[in-house]
C-alpha atoms as a PDB file:
ATOM      1  CA  UNK A   1     222.580 143.355  72.872  1.00  0.00           C
ATOM      2  CA  UNK A   2     220.440 141.855  70.097  1.00  0.00           C
ATOM      3  CA  UNK A   3     217.588 139.633  71.129  1.00  0.00           C
ATOM      4  CA  UNK A   4     217.988 135.930  70.342  1.00  0.00           C
ATOM      5  CA  UNK A   5     214.899 134.106  69.095  1.00  0.00           C
ATOM      6  CA  UNK A   6     214.465 130.397  69.638  1.00  0.00           C
ATOM      7  CA  UNK A   7     212.516 128.531  66.980  1.00  0.00           C
ATOM      8  CA  UNK A   8     210.221 125.920  68.540  1.00  0.00           C
ATOM      9  CA  UNK A   9     209.136 122.697  66.902  1.00  0.00           C
ATOM     10  CA  UNK A  10     205.642 124.071  66.274  1.00  0.00           C
ATOM     11  CA  UNK A  11     206.990 127.199  64.673  1.00  0.00           C
ATOM     12  CA  UNK A  12     209.565 125.400  62.535  1.00  0.00           C
ATOM     13  CA  UNK A  13     209.080 126.029  58.815  1.00  0.00           C
ATOM     14  CA  UNK A  14     207.753 123.106  56.793  1.00  0.00           C
ATOM     15  CA  UNK A  15     209.538 122.042  53.623  1.00  0.00           C
ATOM     16  CA  UNK A  16     207.925 120.229  50.714  1.00  0.00           C
ATOM     17  CA  UNK A  17     209.641 116.914  50.050  1.00  0.00           C
ATOM     18  CA  UNK A  18     208.118 116.430  46.575  1.00  0.00           C
ATOM     19  CA  UNK A  19     209.813 118.557  43.896  1.00  0.00           C
ATOM     20  CA  UNK A  20     207.851 119.158  40.684  1.00  0.00           C
ATOM     21  CA  UNK A  21     209.618 120.402  37.557  1.00  0.00           C
ATOM     22  CA  UNK A  22     207.460 122.816  35.554  1.00  0.00           C
ATOM     23  CA  UNK A  23     208.129 124.837  32.451  1.00  0.00           C
ATOM     24  CA  UNK A  24     208.815 128.558  33.287  1.00  0.00           C
ATOM     25  CA  UNK A  25     206.998 129.654  30.089  1.00  0.00           C
ATOM     26  CA  UNK A  26     203.933 127.389  30.179  1.00  0.00           C
ATOM     27  CA  UNK A  27     203.618 127.129  33.966  1.00  0.00           C
ATOM     28  CA  UNK A  28     201.096 124.372  33.479  1.00  0.00           C
ATOM     29  CA  UNK A  29     199.935 122.725  36.733  1.00  0.00           C
ATOM     30  CA  UNK A  30     200.282 119.373  34.947  1.00  0.00           C
ATOM     31  CA  UNK A  31     203.630 119.737  33.178  1.00  0.00           C
ATOM     32  CA  UNK A  32     204.452 117.573  30.165  1.00  0.00           C
ATOM     33  CA  UNK A  33     208.198 117.073  30.597  1.00  0.00           C
ATOM     34  CA  UNK A  34     209.967 114.685  28.207  1.00  0.00           C
ATOM     35  CA  UNK A  35     213.344 113.089  28.836  1.00  0.00           C
ATOM     36  CA  UNK A  36     215.224 112.683  25.564  1.00  0.00           C
ATOM     37  CA  UNK A  37     217.957 110.206  26.469  1.00  0.00           C
ATOM     38  CA  UNK A  38     219.384 110.208  22.930  1.00  0.00           C
ATOM     39  CA  UNK A  39     220.358 113.902  23.148  1.00  0.00           C
ATOM     40  CA  UNK A  40     220.544 114.086  26.941  1.00  0.00           C
ATOM     41  CA  UNK A  41     217.984 116.937  27.144  1.00  0.00           C
ATOM     42  CA  UNK A  42     214.968 117.622  29.339  1.00  0.00           C
ATOM     43  CA  UNK A  43     212.333 119.234  27.112  1.00  0.00           C
ATOM     44  CA  UNK A  44     208.870 120.664  27.680  1.00  0.00           C
ATOM     45  CA  UNK A  45     206.464 118.685  25.533  1.00  0.00           C
ATOM     46  CA  UNK A  46     204.056 121.649  25.090  1.00  0.00           C
ATOM     47  CA  UNK A  47     206.312 124.510  23.985  1.00  0.00           C
ATOM     48  CA  UNK A  48     209.613 122.742  23.247  1.00  0.00           C
ATOM     49  CA  UNK A  49     211.697 124.743  25.727  1.00  0.00           C
ATOM     50  CA  UNK A  50     214.874 122.928  26.806  1.00  0.00           C
ATOM     51  CA  UNK A  51     214.838 122.786  30.583  1.00  0.00           C
ATOM     52  CA  UNK A  52     218.062 120.879  31.148  1.00  0.00           C
ATOM     53  CA  UNK A  53     220.880 119.123  29.391  1.00  0.00           C
ATOM     54  CA  UNK A  54     223.290 116.297  30.086  1.00  0.00           C
ATOM     55  CA  UNK A  55     220.740 114.208  31.942  1.00  0.00           C
ATOM     56  CA  UNK A  56     221.831 110.763  33.065  1.00  0.00           C
ATOM     57  CA  UNK A  57     220.216 107.719  31.478  1.00  0.00           C
ATOM     58  CA  UNK A  58     219.253 105.519  34.435  1.00  0.00           C
ATOM     59  CA  UNK A  59     217.805 102.727  32.322  1.00  0.00           C
ATOM     60  CA  UNK A  60     219.442  99.303  32.078  1.00  0.00           C
ATOM     61  CA  UNK A  61     222.134  98.780  29.460  1.00  0.00           C
ATOM     62  CA  UNK A  62     220.202  97.030  26.717  1.00  0.00           C
ATOM     63  CA  UNK A  63     220.887  97.582  23.061  1.00  0.00           C
ATOM     64  CA  UNK A  64     219.386  95.802  20.091  1.00  0.00           C
ATOM     65  CA  UNK A  65     220.800  95.238  16.633  1.00  0.00           C
ATOM     66  CA  UNK A  66     218.317  92.585  15.596  1.00  0.00           C
ATOM     67  CA  UNK A  67     215.391  92.757  13.218  1.00  0.00           C
ATOM     68  CA  UNK A  68     211.838  93.040  14.454  1.00  0.00           C
ATOM     69  CA  UNK A  69     211.390  89.303  13.953  1.00  0.00           C
ATOM     70  CA  UNK A  70     214.245  88.145  16.223  1.00  0.00           C
ATOM     71  CA  UNK A  71     214.893  88.416  19.933  1.00  0.00           C
ATOM     72  CA  UNK A  72     216.741  91.416  21.278  1.00  0.00           C
ATOM     73  CA  UNK A  73     220.237  90.506  22.474  1.00  0.00           C
ATOM     74  CA  UNK A  74     221.651  91.966  25.664  1.00  0.00           C
ATOM     75  CA  UNK A  75     224.600  94.336  25.489  1.00  0.00           C
ATOM     76  CA  UNK A  76     225.913  93.276  28.873  1.00  0.00           C
ATOM     77  CA  UNK A  77     225.564  89.537  28.188  1.00  0.00           C
ATOM     78  CA  UNK A  78     224.688  86.731  30.588  1.00  0.00           C
ATOM     79  CA  UNK A  79     226.024  86.528  34.110  1.00  0.00           C
ATOM     80  CA  UNK A  80     229.139  84.456  34.644  1.00  0.00           C
ATOM     81  CA  UNK A  81     228.556  80.858  35.702  1.00  0.00           C
ATOM     82  CA  UNK A  82     230.447  80.227  38.968  1.00  0.00           C
ATOM     83  CA  UNK A  83     230.610  76.494  38.191  1.00  0.00           C
ATOM     84  CA  UNK A  84     232.631  76.989  35.004  1.00  0.00           C
ATOM     85  CA  UNK A  85     236.292  77.921  34.661  1.00  0.00           C
ATOM     86  CA  UNK A  86     237.740  80.774  32.638  1.00  0.00           C
ATOM     87  CA  UNK A  87     236.619  84.333  31.950  1.00  0.00           C
ATOM     88  CA  UNK A  88     233.552  83.182  29.940  1.00  0.00           C
ATOM     89  CA  UNK A  89     233.769  86.213  27.628  1.00  0.00           C
ATOM     90  CA  UNK A  90     233.496  84.293  24.350  1.00  0.00           C
ATOM     91  CA  UNK A  91     231.417  85.656  21.488  1.00  0.00           C
ATOM     92  CA  UNK A  92     228.582  83.371  20.413  1.00  0.00           C
ATOM     93  CA  UNK A  93     227.043  83.419  16.938  1.00  0.00           C
ATOM     94  CA  UNK A  94     223.257  83.538  17.106  1.00  0.00           C
ATOM     95  CA  UNK A  95     221.379  80.547  15.689  1.00  0.00           C
ATOM     96  CA  UNK A  96     218.639  82.648  14.078  1.00  0.00           C
ATOM     97  CA  UNK A  97     218.203  85.930  12.257  1.00  0.00           C
ATOM     98  CA  UNK A  98     219.290  84.672   8.814  1.00  0.00           C
ATOM     99  CA  UNK A  99     215.866  84.563   7.221  1.00  0.00           C
ATOM    100  CA  UNK A 100     215.514  80.810   7.694  1.00  0.00           C
ATOM    101  CA  UNK A 101     218.434  79.874   5.440  1.00  0.00           C
ATOM    102  CA  UNK A 102     220.145  77.891   8.193  1.00  0.00           C
ATOM    103  CA  UNK A 103     223.507  79.601   7.670  1.00  0.00           C
ATOM    104  CA  UNK A 104     223.551  81.084  11.163  1.00  0.00           C
ATOM    105  CA  UNK A 105     222.808  77.683  12.700  1.00  0.00           C
ATOM    106  CA  UNK A 106     225.691  76.082  10.789  1.00  0.00           C
ATOM    107  CA  UNK A 107     228.074  78.886  11.772  1.00  0.00           C
ATOM    108  CA  UNK A 108     226.993  78.551  15.392  1.00  0.00           C
ATOM    109  CA  UNK A 109     227.736  74.815  15.353  1.00  0.00           C
ATOM    110  CA  UNK A 110     231.134  75.227  13.687  1.00  0.00           C
ATOM    111  CA  UNK A 111     232.108  78.078  15.989  1.00  0.00           C
ATOM    112  CA  UNK A 112     231.068  76.064  19.036  1.00  0.00           C
ATOM    113  CA  UNK A 113     233.177  73.087  18.017  1.00  0.00           C
ATOM    114  CA  UNK A 114     236.246  75.221  17.371  1.00  0.00           C
ATOM    115  CA  UNK A 115     236.129  77.319  20.546  1.00  0.00           C
ATOM    116  CA  UNK A 116     234.448  75.286  23.276  1.00  0.00           C
ATOM    117  CA  UNK A 117     236.540  72.854  25.248  1.00  0.00           C
ATOM    118  CA  UNK A 118     235.402  69.286  25.743  1.00  0.00           C
ATOM    119  CA  UNK A 119     235.709  69.647  29.520  1.00  0.00           C
ATOM    120  CA  UNK A 120     233.494  72.723  29.538  1.00  0.00           C
ATOM    121  CA  UNK A 121     230.902  71.167  27.215  1.00  0.00           C
ATOM    122  CA  UNK A 122     230.598  68.144  29.502  1.00  0.00           C
ATOM    123  CA  UNK A 123     230.116  70.377  32.519  1.00  0.00           C
ATOM    124  CA  UNK A 124     227.445  72.494  30.844  1.00  0.00           C
ATOM    125  CA  UNK A 125     225.516  69.394  29.720  1.00  0.00           C
ATOM    126  CA  UNK A 126     225.757  67.812  33.184  1.00  0.00           C
ATOM    127  CA  UNK A 127     224.607  71.031  34.857  1.00  0.00           C
ATOM    128  CA  UNK A 128     221.560  71.149  32.594  1.00  0.00           C
ATOM    129  CA  UNK A 129     220.647  67.561  33.499  1.00  0.00           C
ATOM    130  CA  UNK A 130     221.120  68.216  37.230  1.00  0.00           C
ATOM    131  CA  UNK A 131     218.930  71.341  37.081  1.00  0.00           C
ATOM    132  CA  UNK A 132     216.222  69.523  35.106  1.00  0.00           C
ATOM    133  CA  UNK A 133     216.166  66.578  37.539  1.00  0.00           C
ATOM    134  CA  UNK A 134     216.038  68.814  40.623  1.00  0.00           C
ATOM    135  CA  UNK A 135     213.234  70.894  39.119  1.00  0.00           C
ATOM    136  CA  UNK A 136     211.272  67.771  38.207  1.00  0.00           C
ATOM    137  CA  UNK A 137     211.429  66.575  41.821  1.00  0.00           C
ATOM    138  CA  UNK A 138     210.816  70.043  43.366  1.00  0.00           C
ATOM    139  CA  UNK A 139     214.155  70.008  45.154  1.00  0.00           C
ATOM    140  CA  UNK A 140     215.456  73.319  46.552  1.00  0.00           C
ATOM    141  CA  UNK A 141     217.899  75.303  44.425  1.00  0.00           C
ATOM    142  CA  UNK A 142     220.643  74.781  47.003  1.00  0.00           C
ATOM    143  CA  UNK A 143     220.486  71.029  46.307  1.00  0.00           C
ATOM    144  CA  UNK A 144     221.164  71.617  42.633  1.00  0.00           C
ATOM    145  CA  UNK A 145     224.059  73.980  43.416  1.00  0.00           C
ATOM    146  CA  UNK A 146     225.688  71.499  45.806  1.00  0.00           C
ATOM    147  CA  UNK A 147     225.218  68.665  43.294  1.00  0.00           C
ATOM    148  CA  UNK A 148     226.902  70.799  40.606  1.00  0.00           C
ATOM    149  CA  UNK A 149     229.829  71.518  42.925  1.00  0.00           C
ATOM    150  CA  UNK A 150     230.233  67.800  43.608  1.00  0.00           C
ATOM    151  CA  UNK A 151     230.114  66.971  39.911  1.00  0.00           C
ATOM    152  CA  UNK A 152     232.742  69.630  39.183  1.00  0.00           C
ATOM    153  CA  UNK A 153     235.020  68.024  41.779  1.00  0.00           C
ATOM    154  CA  UNK A 154     234.532  64.690  40.018  1.00  0.00           C
ATOM    155  CA  UNK A 155     235.521  66.255  36.673  1.00  0.00           C
ATOM    156  CA  UNK A 156     238.482  68.153  38.115  1.00  0.00           C
ATOM    157  CA  UNK A 157     239.899  65.049  39.808  1.00  0.00           C
ATOM    158  CA  UNK A 158     239.118  62.893  36.753  1.00  0.00           C
ATOM    159  CA  UNK A 159     237.082  60.381  38.768  1.00  0.00           C
ATOM    160  CA  UNK A 160     234.498  59.729  36.060  1.00  0.00           C
ATOM    161  CA  UNK A 161     236.608  57.299  34.065  1.00  0.00           C
ATOM    162  CA  UNK A 162     234.929  53.929  33.782  1.00  0.00           C
ATOM    163  CA  UNK A 163     231.793  55.218  35.513  1.00  0.00           C
ATOM    164  CA  UNK A 164     228.344  55.717  34.122  1.00  0.00           C
ATOM    165  CA  UNK A 165     227.760  59.468  33.835  1.00  0.00           C
ATOM    166  CA  UNK A 166     224.065  59.099  34.724  1.00  0.00           C
ATOM    167  CA  UNK A 167     225.045  57.198  37.880  1.00  0.00           C
ATOM    168  CA  UNK A 168     227.504  59.967  38.797  1.00  0.00           C
ATOM    169  CA  UNK A 169     224.807  62.626  38.419  1.00  0.00           C
ATOM    170  CA  UNK A 170     222.355  60.555  40.476  1.00  0.00           C
ATOM    171  CA  UNK A 171     224.979  59.977  43.194  1.00  0.00           C
ATOM    172  CA  UNK A 172     225.813  63.696  43.313  1.00  0.00           C
ATOM    173  CA  UNK A 173     222.133  64.582  43.781  1.00  0.00           C
ATOM    174  CA  UNK A 174     221.740  61.895  46.461  1.00  0.00           C
ATOM    175  CA  UNK A 175     224.872  63.115  48.254  1.00  0.00           C
ATOM    176  CA  UNK A 176     223.721  66.748  48.036  1.00  0.00           C
ATOM    177  CA  UNK A 177     220.361  65.813  49.595  1.00  0.00           C
ATOM    178  CA  UNK A 178     222.174  64.106  52.471  1.00  0.00           C
ATOM    179  CA  UNK A 179     224.492  67.043  53.065  1.00  0.00           C
ATOM    180  CA  UNK A 180     221.750  69.681  53.072  1.00  0.00           C
ATOM    181  CA  UNK A 181     219.393  67.753  55.352  1.00  0.00           C
ATOM    182  CA  UNK A 182     216.815  67.024  52.647  1.00  0.00           C
ATOM    183  CA  UNK A 183     217.159  63.229  52.570  1.00  0.00           C
ATOM    184  CA  UNK A 184     215.780  61.109  49.765  1.00  0.00           C
ATOM    185  CA  UNK A 185     215.744  57.338  49.591  1.00  0.00           C
ATOM    186  CA  UNK A 186     217.624  55.299  47.004  1.00  0.00           C
ATOM    187  CA  UNK A 187     214.330  54.255  45.422  1.00  0.00           C
ATOM    188  CA  UNK A 188     213.244  57.871  45.030  1.00  0.00           C
ATOM    189  CA  UNK A 189     216.515  58.802  43.333  1.00  0.00           C
ATOM    190  CA  UNK A 190     216.205  55.690  41.124  1.00  0.00           C
ATOM    191  CA  UNK A 191     212.705  56.701  40.063  1.00  0.00           C
ATOM    192  CA  UNK A 192     213.919  60.242  39.375  1.00  0.00           C
ATOM    193  CA  UNK A 193     217.082  59.456  37.394  1.00  0.00           C
ATOM    194  CA  UNK A 194     216.066  56.063  35.891  1.00  0.00           C
ATOM    195  CA  UNK A 195     219.391  54.599  37.106  1.00  0.00           C
ATOM    196  CA  UNK A 196     219.707  51.168  38.714  1.00  0.00           C
ATOM    197  CA  UNK A 197     219.844  51.220  42.504  1.00  0.00           C
ATOM    198  CA  UNK A 198     223.012  49.154  42.652  1.00  0.00           C
ATOM    199  CA  UNK A 199     224.817  51.514  40.288  1.00  0.00           C
ATOM    200  CA  UNK A 200     223.825  54.518  42.399  1.00  0.00           C
ATOM    201  CA  UNK A 201     224.903  52.751  45.591  1.00  0.00           C
ATOM    202  CA  UNK A 202     228.309  51.775  44.213  1.00  0.00           C
ATOM    203  CA  UNK A 203     228.940  55.226  42.742  1.00  0.00           C
ATOM    204  CA  UNK A 204     227.760  56.910  45.943  1.00  0.00           C
ATOM    205  CA  UNK A 205     230.192  54.926  48.094  1.00  0.00           C
ATOM    206  CA  UNK A 206     233.016  55.546  45.605  1.00  0.00           C
ATOM    207  CA  UNK A 207     232.466  59.315  45.494  1.00  0.00           C
ATOM    208  CA  UNK A 208     231.999  59.549  49.240  1.00  0.00           C
ATOM    209  CA  UNK A 209     235.384  57.905  49.810  1.00  0.00           C
ATOM    210  CA  UNK A 210     237.308  59.716  47.074  1.00  0.00           C
ATOM    211  CA  UNK A 211     235.857  63.198  47.615  1.00  0.00           C
ATOM    212  CA  UNK A 212     236.116  62.976  51.394  1.00  0.00           C
ATOM    213  CA  UNK A 213     232.745  64.657  51.979  1.00  0.00           C
ATOM    214  CA  UNK A 214     230.388  64.103  54.881  1.00  0.00           C
ATOM    215  CA  UNK A 215     227.160  62.549  53.702  1.00  0.00           C
ATOM    216  CA  UNK A 216     225.209  62.550  56.945  1.00  0.00           C
ATOM    217  CA  UNK A 217     222.821  59.837  58.050  1.00  0.00           C
ATOM    218  CA  UNK A 218     219.170  59.521  57.094  1.00  0.00           C
ATOM    219  CA  UNK A 219     216.899  58.800  60.044  1.00  0.00           C
ATOM    220  CA  UNK A 220     213.262  57.801  60.115  1.00  0.00           C
ATOM    221  CA  UNK A 221     212.375  61.171  61.656  1.00  0.00           C
ATOM    222  CA  UNK A 222     213.560  62.940  58.493  1.00  0.00           C
ATOM    223  CA  UNK A 223     211.204  60.896  56.311  1.00  0.00           C
ATOM    224  CA  UNK A 224     208.032  60.930  58.387  1.00  0.00           C
ATOM    225  CA  UNK A 225     207.220  64.589  57.730  1.00  0.00           C
ATOM    226  CA  UNK A 226     207.271  64.159  53.950  1.00  0.00           C
ATOM    227  CA  UNK A 227     205.493  60.799  53.965  1.00  0.00           C
ATOM    228  CA  UNK A 228     202.691  62.114  56.192  1.00  0.00           C
ATOM    229  CA  UNK A 229     202.287  65.154  53.962  1.00  0.00           C
ATOM    230  CA  UNK A 230     201.940  62.969  50.868  1.00  0.00           C
ATOM    231  CA  UNK A 231     199.437  60.788  52.720  1.00  0.00           C
ATOM    232  CA  UNK A 232     197.409  63.910  53.736  1.00  0.00           C
ATOM    233  CA  UNK A 233     197.545  62.988  57.416  1.00  0.00           C
ATOM    234  CA  UNK A 234     196.714  65.558  60.088  1.00  0.00           C
ATOM    235  CA  UNK A 235     199.329  67.169  62.321  1.00  0.00           C
ATOM    236  CA  UNK A 236     198.310  65.094  65.368  1.00  0.00           C
ATOM    237  CA  UNK A 237     198.958  61.832  63.550  1.00  0.00           C
ATOM    238  CA  UNK A 238     202.221  63.173  62.180  1.00  0.00           C
ATOM    239  CA  UNK A 239     203.463  64.213  65.624  1.00  0.00           C
ATOM    240  CA  UNK A 240     202.513  60.835  67.128  1.00  0.00           C
ATOM    241  CA  UNK A 241     204.364  59.051  64.319  1.00  0.00           C
ATOM    242  CA  UNK A 242     207.466  61.148  65.054  1.00  0.00           C
ATOM    243  CA  UNK A 243     207.318  60.279  68.772  1.00  0.00           C
ATOM    244  CA  UNK A 244     206.869  56.588  67.990  1.00  0.00           C
ATOM    245  CA  UNK A 245     209.867  56.736  65.655  1.00  0.00           C
ATOM    246  CA  UNK A 246     212.077  58.361  68.295  1.00  0.00           C
ATOM    247  CA  UNK A 247     211.213  55.660  70.821  1.00  0.00           C
ATOM    248  CA  UNK A 248     211.379  52.789  68.331  1.00  0.00           C
ATOM    249  CA  UNK A 249     214.964  53.606  67.357  1.00  0.00           C
ATOM    250  CA  UNK A 250     216.088  52.817  70.915  1.00  0.00           C
ATOM    251  CA  UNK A 251     214.607  49.315  70.791  1.00  0.00           C
ATOM    252  CA  UNK A 252     217.031  46.425  70.335  1.00  0.00           C
ATOM    253  CA  UNK A 253     214.534  44.378  68.357  1.00  0.00           C
ATOM    254  CA  UNK A 254     214.179  47.108  65.718  1.00  0.00           C
ATOM    255  CA  UNK A 255     217.943  47.317  65.137  1.00  0.00           C
ATOM    256  CA  UNK A 256     218.976  46.569  61.579  1.00  0.00           C
ATOM    257  CA  UNK A 257     215.743  47.865  60.045  1.00  0.00           C
ATOM    258  CA  UNK A 258     216.079  50.596  57.450  1.00  0.00           C
ATOM    259  CA  UNK A 259     214.855  54.125  58.298  1.00  0.00           C
ATOM    260  CA  UNK A 260     212.224  53.834  55.559  1.00  0.00           C
ATOM    261  CA  UNK A 261     210.777  50.670  57.123  1.00  0.00           C
ATOM    262  CA  UNK A 262     210.690  52.201  60.601  1.00  0.00           C
ATOM    263  CA  UNK A 263     209.086  55.413  59.357  1.00  0.00           C
ATOM    264  CA  UNK A 264     206.439  53.506  57.364  1.00  0.00           C
ATOM    265  CA  UNK A 265     205.574  51.202  60.271  1.00  0.00           C
ATOM    266  CA  UNK A 266     205.313  54.146  62.695  1.00  0.00           C
ATOM    267  CA  UNK A 267     202.978  55.972  60.317  1.00  0.00           C
ATOM    268  CA  UNK A 268     200.937  52.766  59.951  1.00  0.00           C
ATOM    269  CA  UNK A 269     200.625  52.476  63.738  1.00  0.00           C
ATOM    270  CA  UNK A 270     199.954  56.193  64.315  1.00  0.00           C
ATOM    271  CA  UNK A 271     197.210  56.348  61.689  1.00  0.00           C
ATOM    272  CA  UNK A 272     195.350  53.446  63.307  1.00  0.00           C
ATOM    273  CA  UNK A 273     195.986  54.846  66.771  1.00  0.00           C
ATOM    274  CA  UNK A 274     194.251  58.154  65.946  1.00  0.00           C
ATOM    275  CA  UNK A 275     191.326  56.531  64.124  1.00  0.00           C
ATOM    276  CA  UNK A 276     192.472  57.702  60.688  1.00  0.00           C
ATOM    277  CA  UNK A 277     193.823  54.396  59.352  1.00  0.00           C
ATOM    278  CA  UNK A 278     195.972  54.073  56.250  1.00  0.00           C
ATOM    279  CA  UNK A 279     196.464  50.601  54.835  1.00  0.00           C
ATOM    280  CA  UNK A 280     199.914  49.180  54.153  1.00  0.00           C
ATOM    281  CA  UNK A 281     199.376  49.308  50.390  1.00  0.00           C
ATOM    282  CA  UNK A 282     198.811  53.074  50.414  1.00  0.00           C
ATOM    283  CA  UNK A 283     201.841  53.718  52.627  1.00  0.00           C
ATOM    284  CA  UNK A 284     203.908  51.375  50.473  1.00  0.00           C
ATOM    285  CA  UNK A 285     203.162  53.367  47.322  1.00  0.00           C
ATOM    286  CA  UNK A 286     204.304  56.589  48.998  1.00  0.00           C
ATOM    287  CA  UNK A 287     207.325  55.296  50.927  1.00  0.00           C
ATOM    288  CA  UNK A 288     208.568  52.888  48.272  1.00  0.00           C
ATOM    289  CA  UNK A 289     208.840  49.905  50.633  1.00  0.00           C
ATOM    290  CA  UNK A 290     207.051  46.568  50.390  1.00  0.00           C
ATOM    291  CA  UNK A 291     203.786  45.894  52.206  1.00  0.00           C
ATOM    292  CA  UNK A 292     205.268  42.776  53.833  1.00  0.00           C
ATOM    293  CA  UNK A 293     208.162  44.855  55.196  1.00  0.00           C
ATOM    294  CA  UNK A 294     205.762  47.389  56.722  1.00  0.00           C
ATOM    295  CA  UNK A 295     203.666  44.684  58.369  1.00  0.00           C
ATOM    296  CA  UNK A 296     206.744  42.832  59.667  1.00  0.00           C
ATOM    297  CA  UNK A 297     208.116  45.999  61.289  1.00  0.00           C
ATOM    298  CA  UNK A 298     204.667  46.873  62.628  1.00  0.00           C
ATOM    299  CA  UNK A 299     204.468  43.423  64.215  1.00  0.00           C
ATOM    300  CA  UNK A 300     207.562  44.269  66.277  1.00  0.00           C
ATOM    301  CA  UNK A 301     206.102  47.649  67.265  1.00  0.00           C
ATOM    302  CA  UNK A 302     202.801  46.072  68.216  1.00  0.00           C
ATOM    303  CA  UNK A 303     204.548  43.520  70.436  1.00  0.00           C
ATOM    304  CA  UNK A 304     206.149  46.419  72.324  1.00  0.00           C
ATOM    305  CA  UNK A 305     203.120  48.700  72.249  1.00  0.00           C
ATOM    306  CA  UNK A 306     202.950  49.039  76.040  1.00  0.00           C
ATOM    307  CA  UNK A 307     206.439  50.565  76.174  1.00  0.00           C
ATOM    308  CA  UNK A 308     205.970  52.628  73.019  1.00  0.00           C
ATOM    309  CA  UNK A 309     202.514  54.147  73.506  1.00  0.00           C
ATOM    310  CA  UNK A 310     202.949  56.175  76.680  1.00  0.00           C
ATOM    311  CA  UNK A 311     200.335  58.562  78.171  1.00  0.00           C
ATOM    312  CA  UNK A 312     202.068  61.592  76.655  1.00  0.00           C
ATOM    313  CA  UNK A 313     201.559  60.107  73.170  1.00  0.00           C
ATOM    314  CA  UNK A 314     197.880  59.406  73.800  1.00  0.00           C
ATOM    315  CA  UNK A 315     197.461  62.966  75.054  1.00  0.00           C
ATOM    316  CA  UNK A 316     198.468  64.289  71.623  1.00  0.00           C
ATOM    317  CA  UNK A 317     195.074  63.450  70.153  1.00  0.00           C
ATOM    318  CA  UNK A 318     191.615  63.196  71.651  1.00  0.00           C
ATOM    319  CA  UNK A 319     190.820  60.296  69.321  1.00  0.00           C
ATOM    320  CA  UNK A 320     193.963  58.335  70.146  1.00  0.00           C
ATOM    321  CA  UNK A 321     193.323  54.989  71.801  1.00  0.00           C
ATOM    322  CA  UNK A 322     195.399  51.852  72.041  1.00  0.00           C
ATOM    323  CA  UNK A 323     192.233  49.845  71.338  1.00  0.00           C
ATOM    324  CA  UNK A 324     192.205  51.233  67.776  1.00  0.00           C
ATOM    325  CA  UNK A 325     195.294  49.191  66.869  1.00  0.00           C
ATOM    326  CA  UNK A 326     194.764  46.145  64.717  1.00  0.00           C
ATOM    327  CA  UNK A 327     196.346  42.807  65.545  1.00  0.00           C
ATOM    328  CA  UNK A 328     199.095  41.879  63.030  1.00  0.00           C
END
């Protein structure tokens, strides 16, 4: 009976994982192999021997028919825009490449007017404005996408009649911020879009009712983090301001105050409590609320300081002391 040999792990043969293609004629240790994608051949660059044929071109599909002066167009074209309707396979005449005669620009304009639909042109222009505004305010990309979806709903349901288009764009951005948990105040959206606050408020309420979307509620806790960051306050002061805001919302005397006023007053109190005071004017410039409003809300917080400033809040910072508070 033949003897059976068992191959152990130590005795197992090793196999090289790196494969090097060399020319059988040159046998150079540093082979010069050239891939000629035009002919599909694999050629030795030293002696010209063809080592293989029908090689696959793994490069991206880019072809150019332009002159050296112009940009190279893409064979595959741009990706489809999910916010536009239709197949989006139209041919577009380039605006340049005519030697500066302007003929290509005129043809591009005429072709655009004859093929593009008014509905699609309005959407493209609105999407550009939404993207530019979101980028200018460093808003996340998801905010811009949600705002574009909301604007498309407005166009599809023909709700823009009689409305200011800039106000609709501003309301869509404001509504998108609410939905995605990145709240912005009306004053911030007004400063961004240059649209009157009353117009944004009316359009926001109209779209909220007609589109049937949930807008969420902005609380003072959502604003404190961003305000403290813009004021360059430390994490201890920020955390104390958040705790003060959570307790202040349960007070009956603070009811009816806007979240921006509560957040600003809590930051004003927390900064003085930790010995890193910020005056009302500085907070007002960041939060967009009047100095008198901050001081009025702080007056209510100061009157209830015993119930608000508990030992667990003072324990958040070694510098925190109720004696640091100023009398309103």
